[in-house]
Structure formats: structure tokens, C-alpha cells
Amino acid sequence: MTEPSSTAARHASLLACAILAAVLLLALPSRAPAQGCTMCRETAAMQKDRALTALQRGIGVLAVPPLAIASGVVWLVWKRRNRFANE
């Protein structure tokens, strides 16, 4: 069994890591440069403002499922990291 102080320290450390990750995420630039696909860049440049906004929102929506899956995997690994440590 763990002592209450070590559990509290672990929770404090986890909270500090979460806060640091949030700060780093918020510090990232809001617009990252694209990879430079010429056809995509030219097509997007010819669009009107409304279509360009829809394209940018669509890219954001398409990013949600992979990020959710990756976050779920990281959470499962974190939760079960010490499962076999006592054996």
C-alpha cells in the first residue's frame, strides 16, 4: 500500500503535468503552416472567404477523431502502467 503523502505527491505531480501541457498547448500558434501541397494551396487560395472558412473548419473537425483515439490510448496506458509491477 502507498502512504497518503506519496499519493498526494503523485496527484500534485500529475496536476502540475496537466497544467504544463495545457499551457504549452495554448502557447502554440493558432495557425500552423500547411505541408505545402501545391494543388491544395492553389485551390484554397482561389476560394472565397466563406468557402475558405468552411475548409478550415472541416480540417479541424477531421482532426477530432484521431486525437480522441490517441488520447484514449494514452489514458489507458497511463491507467494500467503499474498493473503487473507487483508480480
N, C-alpha and C. Protein backbone atom coordinates (compact mmCIF):
# COMPACT_ATOMS: atom_id res chain seq x y z
N MET A 1 0.84 -1.18 0.00
CA MET A 1 0.00 0.00 0.00
C MET A 1 0.88 1.24 0.00
N THR A 2 0.34 2.30 -0.56
CA THR A 2 1.09 3.54 -0.59
C THR A 2 0.67 4.43 0.56
N GLU A 3 1.58 5.25 0.98
CA GLU A 3 1.28 6.19 2.05
C GLU A 3 0.46 7.34 1.49
N PRO A 4 -0.35 7.96 2.32
CA PRO A 4 -1.16 9.09 1.83
C PRO A 4 -0.32 10.22 1.28
N SER A 5 0.85 10.47 1.87
CA SER A 5 1.68 11.57 1.40
C SER A 5 2.22 11.30 0.00
N SER A 6 2.58 10.04 -0.29
CA SER A 6 3.08 9.74 -1.62
C SER A 6 1.96 9.80 -2.66
N THR A 7 0.74 9.44 -2.25
CA THR A 7 -0.40 9.56 -3.15
C THR A 7 -0.70 11.01 -3.44
N ALA A 8 -0.63 11.84 -2.41
CA ALA A 8 -0.86 13.28 -2.59
C ALA A 8 0.22 13.87 -3.49
N ALA A 9 1.45 13.43 -3.30
CA ALA A 9 2.54 13.93 -4.14
C ALA A 9 2.35 13.50 -5.58
N ARG A 10 1.88 12.28 -5.78
CA ARG A 10 1.65 11.79 -7.14
C ARG A 10 0.54 12.60 -7.81
N HIS A 11 -0.54 12.89 -7.05
CA HIS A 11 -1.63 13.70 -7.60
C HIS A 11 -1.16 15.12 -7.92
N ALA A 12 -0.34 15.68 -7.06
CA ALA A 12 0.19 17.02 -7.29
C ALA A 12 1.08 17.04 -8.53
N SER A 13 1.88 16.01 -8.70
CA SER A 13 2.75 15.91 -9.86
C SER A 13 1.93 15.77 -11.14
N LEU A 14 0.90 14.95 -11.08
CA LEU A 14 0.03 14.76 -12.25
C LEU A 14 -0.68 16.06 -12.59
N LEU A 15 -1.15 16.78 -11.60
CA LEU A 15 -1.81 18.06 -11.82
C LEU A 15 -0.84 19.07 -12.43
N ALA A 16 0.39 19.09 -11.94
CA ALA A 16 1.40 20.01 -12.48
C ALA A 16 1.68 19.68 -13.94
N CYS A 17 1.76 18.40 -14.28
CA CYS A 17 1.99 17.98 -15.68
C CYS A 17 0.82 18.38 -16.56
N ALA A 18 -0.40 18.23 -16.05
CA ALA A 18 -1.59 18.60 -16.83
C ALA A 18 -1.63 20.10 -17.07
N ILE A 19 -1.28 20.88 -16.06
CA ILE A 19 -1.27 22.33 -16.22
C ILE A 19 -0.19 22.75 -17.21
N LEU A 20 0.98 22.14 -17.12
CA LEU A 20 2.06 22.44 -18.05
C LEU A 20 1.65 22.09 -19.48
N ALA A 21 1.01 20.94 -19.68
CA ALA A 21 0.56 20.55 -21.01
C ALA A 21 -0.47 21.54 -21.56
N ALA A 22 -1.38 21.99 -20.70
CA ALA A 22 -2.39 22.97 -21.13
C ALA A 22 -1.74 24.29 -21.52
N VAL A 23 -0.78 24.74 -20.74
CA VAL A 23 -0.09 26.00 -21.05
C VAL A 23 0.67 25.88 -22.37
N LEU A 24 1.36 24.76 -22.57
CA LEU A 24 2.09 24.56 -23.82
C LEU A 24 1.15 24.49 -25.01
N LEU A 25 0.01 23.86 -24.84
CA LEU A 25 -0.97 23.76 -25.91
C LEU A 25 -1.51 25.14 -26.27
N LEU A 26 -1.77 25.95 -25.27
CA LEU A 26 -2.28 27.29 -25.52
C LEU A 26 -1.20 28.21 -26.09
N ALA A 27 0.06 27.89 -25.87
CA ALA A 27 1.15 28.73 -26.37
C ALA A 27 1.46 28.45 -27.85
N LEU A 28 0.93 27.36 -28.38
CA LEU A 28 1.17 27.05 -29.79
C LEU A 28 0.50 28.10 -30.68
N PRO A 29 1.06 28.35 -31.84
CA PRO A 29 0.43 29.33 -32.73
C PRO A 29 -0.94 28.83 -33.19
N SER A 30 -1.86 29.75 -33.39
CA SER A 30 -3.22 29.34 -33.77
C SER A 30 -3.27 28.80 -35.19
N ARG A 31 -2.37 29.22 -36.03
CA ARG A 31 -2.34 28.73 -37.41
C ARG A 31 -0.96 28.15 -37.70
N ALA A 32 -0.93 26.89 -37.97
CA ALA A 32 0.33 26.24 -38.32
C ALA A 32 0.44 26.19 -39.83
N PRO A 33 1.64 26.30 -40.38
CA PRO A 33 1.78 26.26 -41.84
C PRO A 33 1.43 24.88 -42.38
N ALA A 34 0.86 24.86 -43.56
CA ALA A 34 0.50 23.60 -44.20
C ALA A 34 1.77 22.91 -44.69
N GLN A 35 1.61 21.69 -45.14
CA GLN A 35 2.78 20.93 -45.61
C GLN A 35 3.24 21.37 -46.98
N GLY A 36 2.47 22.16 -47.66
CA GLY A 36 2.94 22.73 -48.92
C GLY A 36 2.46 22.01 -50.16
N CYS A 37 1.35 21.31 -50.11
CA CYS A 37 0.80 20.67 -51.29
C CYS A 37 0.38 21.78 -52.25
N THR A 38 0.99 21.82 -53.41
CA THR A 38 0.75 22.90 -54.36
C THR A 38 -0.71 22.95 -54.81
N MET A 39 -1.26 21.81 -55.14
CA MET A 39 -2.64 21.77 -55.61
C MET A 39 -3.61 22.25 -54.52
N CYS A 40 -3.40 21.80 -53.31
CA CYS A 40 -4.26 22.21 -52.19
C CYS A 40 -4.13 23.70 -51.92
N ARG A 41 -2.91 24.19 -51.94
CA ARG A 41 -2.68 25.61 -51.66
C ARG A 41 -3.32 26.49 -52.73
N GLU A 42 -3.17 26.12 -54.00
CA GLU A 42 -3.75 26.91 -55.08
C GLU A 42 -5.27 26.87 -55.05
N THR A 43 -5.84 25.71 -54.78
CA THR A 43 -7.30 25.58 -54.71
C THR A 43 -7.85 26.41 -53.56
N ALA A 44 -7.21 26.36 -52.42
CA ALA A 44 -7.66 27.13 -51.27
C ALA A 44 -7.50 28.63 -51.51
N ALA A 45 -6.45 29.03 -52.22
CA ALA A 45 -6.22 30.44 -52.48
C ALA A 45 -7.28 31.02 -53.41
N MET A 46 -7.86 30.20 -54.28
CA MET A 46 -8.87 30.68 -55.22
C MET A 46 -10.28 30.75 -54.61
N GLN A 47 -10.45 30.22 -53.42
CA GLN A 47 -11.77 30.19 -52.79
C GLN A 47 -12.13 31.55 -52.21
N LYS A 48 -13.43 31.77 -52.08
CA LYS A 48 -13.90 32.98 -51.41
C LYS A 48 -13.75 32.80 -49.91
N ASP A 49 -13.92 33.87 -49.16
CA ASP A 49 -13.72 33.83 -47.71
C ASP A 49 -14.61 32.81 -47.02
N ARG A 50 -15.86 32.72 -47.45
CA ARG A 50 -16.79 31.79 -46.81
C ARG A 50 -16.37 30.34 -47.04
N ALA A 51 -15.96 30.02 -48.26
CA ALA A 51 -15.52 28.66 -48.57
C ALA A 51 -14.21 28.34 -47.85
N LEU A 52 -13.34 29.33 -47.73
CA LEU A 52 -12.07 29.12 -47.03
C LEU A 52 -12.30 28.86 -45.54
N THR A 53 -13.25 29.57 -44.95
CA THR A 53 -13.60 29.34 -43.55
C THR A 53 -14.17 27.94 -43.36
N ALA A 54 -15.02 27.50 -44.28
CA ALA A 54 -15.59 26.15 -44.21
C ALA A 54 -14.49 25.10 -44.34
N LEU A 55 -13.52 25.35 -45.21
CA LEU A 55 -12.41 24.41 -45.39
C LEU A 55 -11.59 24.30 -44.10
N GLN A 56 -11.31 25.44 -43.48
CA GLN A 56 -10.53 25.42 -42.24
C GLN A 56 -11.29 24.72 -41.11
N ARG A 57 -12.58 24.94 -41.02
CA ARG A 57 -13.39 24.25 -40.00
C ARG A 57 -13.46 22.76 -40.28
N GLY A 58 -13.56 22.39 -41.54
CA GLY A 58 -13.59 20.97 -41.90
C GLY A 58 -12.32 20.25 -41.50
N ILE A 59 -11.19 20.92 -41.68
CA ILE A 59 -9.91 20.32 -41.27
C ILE A 59 -9.90 20.12 -39.76
N GLY A 60 -10.42 21.09 -39.02
CA GLY A 60 -10.49 20.95 -37.56
C GLY A 60 -11.39 19.82 -37.13
N VAL A 61 -12.52 19.67 -37.80
CA VAL A 61 -13.46 18.60 -37.46
C VAL A 61 -12.84 17.23 -37.75
N LEU A 62 -12.12 17.12 -38.86
CA LEU A 62 -11.49 15.86 -39.22
C LEU A 62 -10.34 15.49 -38.28
N ALA A 63 -9.80 16.45 -37.56
CA ALA A 63 -8.71 16.17 -36.63
C ALA A 63 -9.20 15.60 -35.30
N VAL A 64 -10.48 15.79 -34.98
CA VAL A 64 -11.01 15.37 -33.68
C VAL A 64 -10.95 13.85 -33.46
N PRO A 65 -11.44 13.00 -34.36
CA PRO A 65 -11.41 11.55 -34.09
C PRO A 65 -10.01 10.97 -33.85
N PRO A 66 -9.00 11.30 -34.69
CA PRO A 66 -7.67 10.75 -34.39
C PRO A 66 -7.11 11.22 -33.05
N LEU A 67 -7.37 12.49 -32.71
CA LEU A 67 -6.89 12.99 -31.42
C LEU A 67 -7.61 12.30 -30.26
N ALA A 68 -8.90 12.03 -30.42
CA ALA A 68 -9.65 11.35 -29.36
C ALA A 68 -9.14 9.91 -29.19
N ILE A 69 -8.89 9.23 -30.29
CA ILE A 69 -8.39 7.85 -30.22
C ILE A 69 -7.01 7.83 -29.56
N ALA A 70 -6.12 8.72 -29.98
CA ALA A 70 -4.78 8.77 -29.41
C ALA A 70 -4.84 9.11 -27.92
N SER A 71 -5.71 10.03 -27.55
CA SER A 71 -5.85 10.40 -26.13
C SER A 71 -6.37 9.21 -25.32
N GLY A 72 -7.30 8.45 -25.89
CA GLY A 72 -7.83 7.27 -25.20
C GLY A 72 -6.76 6.22 -24.98
N VAL A 73 -5.92 6.00 -25.98
CA VAL A 73 -4.84 5.02 -25.85
C VAL A 73 -3.85 5.47 -24.78
N VAL A 74 -3.48 6.75 -24.79
CA VAL A 74 -2.55 7.26 -23.78
C VAL A 74 -3.16 7.13 -22.39
N TRP A 75 -4.45 7.43 -22.26
CA TRP A 75 -5.12 7.31 -20.97
C TRP A 75 -5.12 5.87 -20.48
N LEU A 76 -5.42 4.91 -21.37
CA LEU A 76 -5.41 3.50 -20.97
C LEU A 76 -4.02 3.04 -20.53
N VAL A 77 -3.01 3.44 -21.29
CA VAL A 77 -1.64 3.06 -20.92
C VAL A 77 -1.27 3.68 -19.59
N TRP A 78 -1.63 4.94 -19.37
CA TRP A 78 -1.32 5.62 -18.10
C TRP A 78 -2.04 4.94 -16.94
N LYS A 79 -3.28 4.58 -17.15
CA LYS A 79 -4.07 3.98 -16.08
C LYS A 79 -3.55 2.59 -15.71
N ARG A 80 -3.08 1.84 -16.67
CA ARG A 80 -2.66 0.45 -16.43
C ARG A 80 -1.14 0.28 -16.38
N ARG A 81 -0.41 1.37 -16.21
CA ARG A 81 1.05 1.31 -16.28
C ARG A 81 1.69 0.45 -15.19
N ASN A 82 1.08 0.34 -14.01
CA ASN A 82 1.66 -0.42 -12.90
C ASN A 82 0.87 -1.70 -12.62
N ARG A 83 0.12 -2.18 -13.59
CA ARG A 83 -0.75 -3.32 -13.38
C ARG A 83 0.03 -4.56 -12.98
N PHE A 84 1.18 -4.80 -13.58
CA PHE A 84 1.95 -6.01 -13.32
C PHE A 84 3.21 -5.73 -12.51
N ALA A 85 3.32 -4.56 -11.91
CA ALA A 85 4.53 -4.19 -11.18
C ALA A 85 4.74 -5.03 -9.91
N ASN A 86 3.68 -5.47 -9.27
CA ASN A 86 3.80 -6.20 -8.02
C ASN A 86 4.07 -7.69 -8.22
N GLU A 87 4.01 -8.16 -9.43
CA GLU A 87 4.19 -9.62 -9.67
C GLU A 87 5.65 -9.97 -9.83
